[in-house]
C-alpha atoms as a PDB file:
ATOM      1  CA  UNK A   1       0.068   0.392  -0.198  1.00  0.00           C
ATOM      2  CA  UNK A   2       2.752   2.261   1.027  1.00  0.00           C
ATOM      3  CA  UNK A   3       4.065   1.535  -2.632  1.00  0.00           C
ATOM      4  CA  UNK A   4       0.800   2.960  -4.221  1.00  0.00           C
ATOM      5  CA  UNK A   5       1.125   5.869  -1.797  1.00  0.00           C
ATOM      6  CA  UNK A   6       4.184   7.109  -3.285  1.00  0.00           C
ATOM      7  CA  UNK A   7       3.399   6.754  -6.735  1.00  0.00           C
ATOM      8  CA  UNK A   8       0.474   8.319  -6.347  1.00  0.00           C
ATOM      9  CA  UNK A   9       2.570  11.125  -4.431  1.00  0.00           C
ATOM     10  CA  UNK A  10       5.685  10.702  -7.332  1.00  0.00           C
ATOM     11  CA  UNK A  11       3.254  11.016 -10.137  1.00  0.00           C
ATOM     12  CA  UNK A  12       1.046  13.887  -8.989  1.00  0.00           C
ATOM     13  CA  UNK A  13      -2.380  11.900  -8.241  1.00  0.00           C
ATOM     14  CA  UNK A  14      -2.568  13.348  -4.430  1.00  0.00           C
ATOM     15  CA  UNK A  15      -3.068  16.885  -3.621  1.00  0.00           C
ATOM     16  CA  UNK A  16      -0.075  17.406  -1.206  1.00  0.00           C
ATOM     17  CA  UNK A  17       1.854  16.874  -4.360  1.00  0.00           C
ATOM     18  CA  UNK A  18      -0.020  17.909  -7.066  1.00  0.00           C
ATOM     19  CA  UNK A  19      -2.696  20.391  -6.098  1.00  0.00           C
ATOM     20  CA  UNK A  20      -5.644  21.113  -8.773  1.00  0.00           C
ATOM     21  CA  UNK A  21      -5.405  24.202 -10.995  1.00  0.00           C
ATOM     22  CA  UNK A  22      -7.841  26.425  -8.727  1.00  0.00           C
ATOM     23  CA  UNK A  23      -5.886  25.448  -5.125  1.00  0.00           C
ATOM     24  CA  UNK A  24      -2.255  26.223  -6.614  1.00  0.00           C
ATOM     25  CA  UNK A  25      -0.781  28.361  -4.707  1.00  0.00           C
ATOM     26  CA  UNK A  26       2.781  28.473  -6.757  1.00  0.00           C
ATOM     27  CA  UNK A  27       3.003  30.580  -9.730  1.00  0.00           C
ATOM     28  CA  UNK A  28       2.884  28.410 -12.525  1.00  0.00           C
ATOM     29  CA  UNK A  29       5.068  28.875 -15.896  1.00  0.00           C
ATOM     30  CA  UNK A  30       3.071  31.406 -17.826  1.00  0.00           C
ATOM     31  CA  UNK A  31       1.014  29.633 -20.604  1.00  0.00           C
ATOM     32  CA  UNK A  32       1.625  32.656 -22.701  1.00  0.00           C
ATOM     33  CA  UNK A  33       5.335  32.310 -22.916  1.00  0.00           C
ATOM     34  CA  UNK A  34       7.341  30.802 -25.633  1.00  0.00           C
ATOM     35  CA  UNK A  35       8.568  27.867 -25.363  1.00  0.00           C
ATOM     36  CA  UNK A  36      11.761  29.501 -25.469  1.00  0.00           C
ATOM     37  CA  UNK A  37      10.902  31.212 -22.250  1.00  0.00           C
ATOM     38  CA  UNK A  38       9.114  28.414 -20.997  1.00  0.00           C
ATOM     39  CA  UNK A  39      12.316  26.048 -21.604  1.00  0.00           C
ATOM     40  CA  UNK A  40      14.341  28.323 -20.023  1.00  0.00           C
ATOM     41  CA  UNK A  41      12.367  28.944 -16.580  1.00  0.00           C
ATOM     42  CA  UNK A  42      12.016  25.147 -16.275  1.00  0.00           C
ATOM     43  CA  UNK A  43      15.701  24.714 -16.601  1.00  0.00           C
ATOM     44  CA  UNK A  44      16.193  27.690 -13.841  1.00  0.00           C
ATOM     45  CA  UNK A  45      13.814  25.952 -11.431  1.00  0.00           C
ATOM     46  CA  UNK A  46      15.351  22.674 -12.078  1.00  0.00           C
ATOM     47  CA  UNK A  47      18.507  24.211 -11.336  1.00  0.00           C
ATOM     48  CA  UNK A  48      17.414  25.461  -7.868  1.00  0.00           C
ATOM     49  CA  UNK A  49      15.681  22.184  -7.234  1.00  0.00           C
ATOM     50  CA  UNK A  50      19.448  20.669  -7.173  1.00  0.00           C
ATOM     51  CA  UNK A  51      20.778  23.172  -4.977  1.00  0.00           C
ATOM     52  CA  UNK A  52      18.024  23.464  -1.991  1.00  0.00           C
ATOM     53  CA  UNK A  53      18.637  21.638   0.746  1.00  0.00           C
ATOM     54  CA  UNK A  54      15.604  23.020   3.162  1.00  0.00           C
ATOM     55  CA  UNK A  55      13.245  20.432   2.616  1.00  0.00           C
ATOM     56  CA  UNK A  56      10.092  23.252   2.359  1.00  0.00           C
ATOM     57  CA  UNK A  57      11.838  25.351   0.182  1.00  0.00           C
ATOM     58  CA  UNK A  58      12.082  22.724  -2.423  1.00  0.00           C
ATOM     59  CA  UNK A  59       8.706  21.379  -2.679  1.00  0.00           C
ATOM     60  CA  UNK A  60       8.097  24.378  -2.997  1.00  0.00           C
ATOM     61  CA  UNK A  61      10.068  24.786  -6.183  1.00  0.00           C
ATOM     62  CA  UNK A  62       9.333  20.855  -6.827  1.00  0.00           C
ATOM     63  CA  UNK A  63       5.252  22.206  -6.658  1.00  0.00           C
ATOM     64  CA  UNK A  64       5.744  25.081  -9.623  1.00  0.00           C
ATOM     65  CA  UNK A  65       7.873  22.550 -11.913  1.00  0.00           C
ATOM     66  CA  UNK A  66       4.778  19.993 -11.548  1.00  0.00           C
ATOM     67  CA  UNK A  67       2.510  23.314 -12.142  1.00  0.00           C
ATOM     68  CA  UNK A  68       4.467  24.115 -15.077  1.00  0.00           C
ATOM     69  CA  UNK A  69       4.109  20.361 -16.742  1.00  0.00           C
ATOM     70  CA  UNK A  70       0.318  20.841 -16.188  1.00  0.00           C
ATOM     71  CA  UNK A  71       0.317  23.849 -18.899  1.00  0.00           C
ATOM     72  CA  UNK A  72       0.364  22.743 -22.021  1.00  0.00           C
ATOM     73  CA  UNK A  73       0.322  25.325 -24.000  1.00  0.00           C
ATOM     74  CA  UNK A  74      -3.176  24.743 -25.259  1.00  0.00           C
ATOM     75  CA  UNK A  75      -6.539  25.871 -23.513  1.00  0.00           C
ATOM     76  CA  UNK A  76      -8.559  22.466 -24.875  1.00  0.00           C
ATOM     77  CA  UNK A  77      -5.356  20.062 -23.794  1.00  0.00           C
ATOM     78  CA  UNK A  78      -5.389  21.580 -20.241  1.00  0.00           C
ATOM     79  CA  UNK A  79      -9.006  21.914 -19.739  1.00  0.00           C
ATOM     80  CA  UNK A  80      -9.214  17.969 -20.731  1.00  0.00           C
ATOM     81  CA  UNK A  81      -6.067  17.095 -18.018  1.00  0.00           C
ATOM     82  CA  UNK A  82      -8.294  19.163 -15.697  1.00  0.00           C
ATOM     83  CA  UNK A  83     -11.298  16.689 -16.446  1.00  0.00           C
ATOM     84  CA  UNK A  84      -9.022  13.461 -16.116  1.00  0.00           C
ATOM     85  CA  UNK A  85      -8.035  14.622 -12.231  1.00  0.00           C
ATOM     86  CA  UNK A  86     -11.481  15.251 -11.944  1.00  0.00           C
ATOM     87  CA  UNK A  87     -12.239  11.773 -13.263  1.00  0.00           C
ATOM     88  CA  UNK A  88      -9.292  10.692 -10.973  1.00  0.00           C
ATOM     89  CA  UNK A  89     -10.524  12.200  -7.251  1.00  0.00           C
ATOM     90  CA  UNK A  90     -13.819  10.528  -8.428  1.00  0.00           C
ATOM     91  CA  UNK A  91     -12.267   7.283  -9.398  1.00  0.00           C
ATOM     92  CA  UNK A  92     -13.892   7.342 -12.498  1.00  0.00           C
ATOM     93  CA  UNK A  93     -10.843   5.995 -14.470  1.00  0.00           C
ATOM     94  CA  UNK A  94     -12.095   4.689 -17.400  1.00  0.00           C
ATOM     95  CA  UNK A  95     -13.419   8.519 -18.129  1.00  0.00           C
ATOM     96  CA  UNK A  96      -9.722   9.921 -16.974  1.00  0.00           C
ATOM     97  CA  UNK A  97      -8.104   7.301 -19.566  1.00  0.00           C
ATOM     98  CA  UNK A  98     -11.127   8.633 -22.720  1.00  0.00           C
ATOM     99  CA  UNK A  99      -9.318  11.959 -21.935  1.00  0.00           C
ATOM    100  CA  UNK A 100      -5.772  11.606 -21.858  1.00  0.00           C
ATOM    101  CA  UNK A 101      -5.543   8.888 -24.738  1.00  0.00           C
ATOM    102  CA  UNK A 102      -7.080  11.852 -26.436  1.00  0.00           C
ATOM    103  CA  UNK A 103      -4.717  14.455 -24.820  1.00  0.00           C
ATOM    104  CA  UNK A 104      -1.718  11.925 -25.964  1.00  0.00           C
ATOM    105  CA  UNK A 105      -2.949  11.826 -29.167  1.00  0.00           C
ATOM    106  CA  UNK A 106      -3.901  15.127 -29.644  1.00  0.00           C
ATOM    107  CA  UNK A 107      -0.220  16.599 -28.331  1.00  0.00           C
ATOM    108  CA  UNK A 108       1.976  13.388 -28.391  1.00  0.00           C
ATOM    109  CA  UNK A 109       5.058  15.583 -27.627  1.00  0.00           C
ATOM    110  CA  UNK A 110       2.999  16.652 -24.277  1.00  0.00           C
ATOM    111  CA  UNK A 111       5.144  14.525 -21.341  1.00  0.00           C
ATOM    112  CA  UNK A 112       2.275  15.242 -19.143  1.00  0.00           C
ATOM    113  CA  UNK A 113      -0.158  14.045 -20.437  1.00  0.00           C
ATOM    114  CA  UNK A 114       1.977  10.415 -20.543  1.00  0.00           C
ATOM    115  CA  UNK A 115       2.621  10.548 -17.347  1.00  0.00           C
ATOM    116  CA  UNK A 116      -0.928  11.162 -15.617  1.00  0.00           C
ATOM    117  CA  UNK A 117      -1.877   8.635 -18.691  1.00  0.00           C
ATOM    118  CA  UNK A 118       0.829   6.112 -16.540  1.00  0.00           C
ATOM    119  CA  UNK A 119      -0.908   6.751 -13.462  1.00  0.00           C
ATOM    120  CA  UNK A 120      -4.326   5.727 -14.182  1.00  0.00           C
ATOM    121  CA  UNK A 121      -3.041   2.680 -16.038  1.00  0.00           C
ATOM    122  CA  UNK A 122      -1.498   1.836 -12.581  1.00  0.00           C
ATOM    123  CA  UNK A 123      -4.215   2.494 -10.371  1.00  0.00           C
ATOM    124  CA  UNK A 124      -6.480   0.244 -13.226  1.00  0.00           C
ATOM    125  CA  UNK A 125      -3.981  -2.541 -12.134  1.00  0.00           C
ATOM    126  CA  UNK A 126      -2.125  -1.912 -15.931  1.00  0.00           C
ATOM    127  CA  UNK A 127       1.304  -1.832 -14.837  1.00  0.00           C
ATOM    128  CA  UNK A 128       2.814  -3.067 -18.056  1.00  0.00           C
ATOM    129  CA  UNK A 129       0.759  -0.189 -19.585  1.00  0.00           C
ATOM    130  CA  UNK A 130       1.901   2.279 -16.749  1.00  0.00           C
ATOM    131  CA  UNK A 131       5.227   1.762 -17.370  1.00  0.00           C
ATOM    132  CA  UNK A 132       5.142   2.288 -21.302  1.00  0.00           C
ATOM    133  CA  UNK A 133       3.746   5.316 -20.538  1.00  0.00           C
ATOM    134  CA  UNK A 134       6.532   6.288 -18.371  1.00  0.00           C
ATOM    135  CA  UNK A 135       9.239   5.479 -20.233  1.00  0.00           C
ATOM    136  CA  UNK A 136       7.571   7.654 -23.244  1.00  0.00           C
ATOM    137  CA  UNK A 137       7.732  10.447 -20.230  1.00  0.00           C
ATOM    138  CA  UNK A 138      11.071  10.158 -19.591  1.00  0.00           C
ATOM    139  CA  UNK A 139      12.066  10.156 -23.314  1.00  0.00           C
ATOM    140  CA  UNK A 140      10.079  13.902 -23.241  1.00  0.00           C
ATOM    141  CA  UNK A 141      10.958  14.927 -20.242  1.00  0.00           C
ATOM    142  CA  UNK A 142      14.276  12.731 -18.845  1.00  0.00           C
ATOM    143  CA  UNK A 143      13.777  15.028 -15.484  1.00  0.00           C
ATOM    144  CA  UNK A 144      10.353  13.889 -14.777  1.00  0.00           C
ATOM    145  CA  UNK A 145      11.010  13.080 -11.070  1.00  0.00           C
ATOM    146  CA  UNK A 146       7.737  11.827 -10.776  1.00  0.00           C
ATOM    147  CA  UNK A 147       7.230   9.329 -13.420  1.00  0.00           C
ATOM    148  CA  UNK A 148      11.015   8.251 -12.001  1.00  0.00           C
ATOM    149  CA  UNK A 149       9.217   7.844  -8.430  1.00  0.00           C
ATOM    150  CA  UNK A 150       6.430   6.160 -10.449  1.00  0.00           C
ATOM    151  CA  UNK A 151       9.035   3.175 -11.816  1.00  0.00           C
ATOM    152  CA  UNK A 152      10.486   2.905  -8.913  1.00  0.00           C
ATOM    153  CA  UNK A 153       7.467   1.911  -7.042  1.00  0.00           C
ATOM    154  CA  UNK A 154       6.258  -0.464 -10.113  1.00  0.00           C
ATOM    155  CA  UNK A 155       9.848  -2.206  -9.851  1.00  0.00           C
ATOM    156  CA  UNK A 156       9.894  -2.616  -6.253  1.00  0.00           C
ATOM    157  CA  UNK A 157       6.625  -3.666  -6.003  1.00  0.00           C
ATOM    158  CA  UNK A 158       7.337  -6.604  -8.806  1.00  0.00           C
ATOM    159  CA  UNK A 159      10.493  -7.574  -6.907  1.00  0.00           C
ATOM    160  CA  UNK A 160      12.872  -5.449  -9.185  1.00  0.00           C
ATOM    161  CA  UNK A 161      14.760  -4.166  -6.367  1.00  0.00           C
ATOM    162  CA  UNK A 162      18.141  -3.412  -8.102  1.00  0.00           C
ATOM    163  CA  UNK A 163      16.467  -1.493 -10.546  1.00  0.00           C
ATOM    164  CA  UNK A 164      13.520   0.167  -8.567  1.00  0.00           C
ATOM    165  CA  UNK A 165      16.700   1.369  -6.533  1.00  0.00           C
ATOM    166  CA  UNK A 166      18.098   3.156  -9.995  1.00  0.00           C
ATOM    167  CA  UNK A 167      15.157   4.690 -10.618  1.00  0.00           C
ATOM    168  CA  UNK A 168      14.661   6.400  -7.120  1.00  0.00           C
ATOM    169  CA  UNK A 169      18.320   7.585  -7.229  1.00  0.00           C
ATOM    170  CA  UNK A 170      17.793   8.967 -10.971  1.00  0.00           C
ATOM    171  CA  UNK A 171      14.951  10.751  -9.226  1.00  0.00           C
ATOM    172  CA  UNK A 172      17.341  12.042  -6.205  1.00  0.00           C
ATOM    173  CA  UNK A 173      20.000  13.063  -8.737  1.00  0.00           C
ATOM    174  CA  UNK A 174      17.581  15.630  -9.859  1.00  0.00           C
ATOM    175  CA  UNK A 175      15.392  16.570  -6.656  1.00  0.00           C
ATOM    176  CA  UNK A 176      17.619  15.800  -3.814  1.00  0.00           C
ATOM    177  CA  UNK A 177      15.439  16.851  -1.082  1.00  0.00           C
ATOM    178  CA  UNK A 178      12.530  14.504  -2.395  1.00  0.00           C
ATOM    179  CA  UNK A 179      11.806  12.754   1.340  1.00  0.00           C
ATOM    180  CA  UNK A 180       9.747   9.691  -0.277  1.00  0.00           C
ATOM    181  CA  UNK A 181      12.349   8.329  -2.753  1.00  0.00           C
ATOM    182  CA  UNK A 182      15.412   9.277  -0.026  1.00  0.00           C
ATOM    183  CA  UNK A 183      13.172   6.737   2.555  1.00  0.00           C
ATOM    184  CA  UNK A 184      12.915   4.276  -0.491  1.00  0.00           C
ATOM    185  CA  UNK A 185      16.842   4.224  -1.554  1.00  0.00           C
ATOM    186  CA  UNK A 186      17.738   3.678   2.148  1.00  0.00           C
ATOM    187  CA  UNK A 187      14.963   0.802   2.531  1.00  0.00           C
ATOM    188  CA  UNK A 188      16.203  -0.658  -0.669  1.00  0.00           C
ATOM    189  CA  UNK A 189      19.618  -0.276   0.128  1.00  0.00           C
ATOM    190  CA  UNK A 190      19.742  -2.168   3.399  1.00  0.00           C
ATOM    191  CA  UNK A 191      17.769  -5.004   1.978  1.00  0.00           C
ATOM    192  CA  UNK A 192      19.877  -5.092  -1.169  1.00  0.00           C
ATOM    193  CA  UNK A 193      23.049  -5.228   1.172  1.00  0.00           C
ATOM    194  CA  UNK A 194      21.141  -8.119   3.402  1.00  0.00           C
ATOM    195  CA  UNK A 195      20.407 -10.134   0.092  1.00  0.00           C
ATOM    196  CA  UNK A 196      24.172  -9.603  -0.330  1.00  0.00           C
ATOM    197  CA  UNK A 197      23.792  -8.488  -3.989  1.00  0.00           C
END
């Protein structure tokens, strides 16, 4: 169960990790910015996230990154993302998946559409499909610490501890103060040492 909670936090389904548009207190990267401006702003946030050593400050930076990921630059895609999030909260996973399928068809280069679809597949116990969508997310945004954390949770749950450890360590290289990933790395390293890798 803890692995499920970590996945949902990492992928951004649970409210503390990913506030809804209406509840977000962090200032997102403005959707009206050019793609080059958005990329530069996101690069700056990732640099700050890597250097920040105060947990709460790092959480605020991570929240701004997540908010930026949510803004596709298209009002219709953003609306479908919101509708899918609402459907997930109502546990209407099939409805959420329908919206996210449309998002990934209409905007195949939009990493967060794939990431959110990975979450819904996970909630529907479609782990192979979830991993395929995580892979696509990471191809589009290799710094997606939520997708890496989700990958770690699925790999750990399936008993592939060394690969899970690698996924969590990759997440920590991007977001060093990610407490859930820190805890998983410590536990997995201890388990693997006990098994004599």
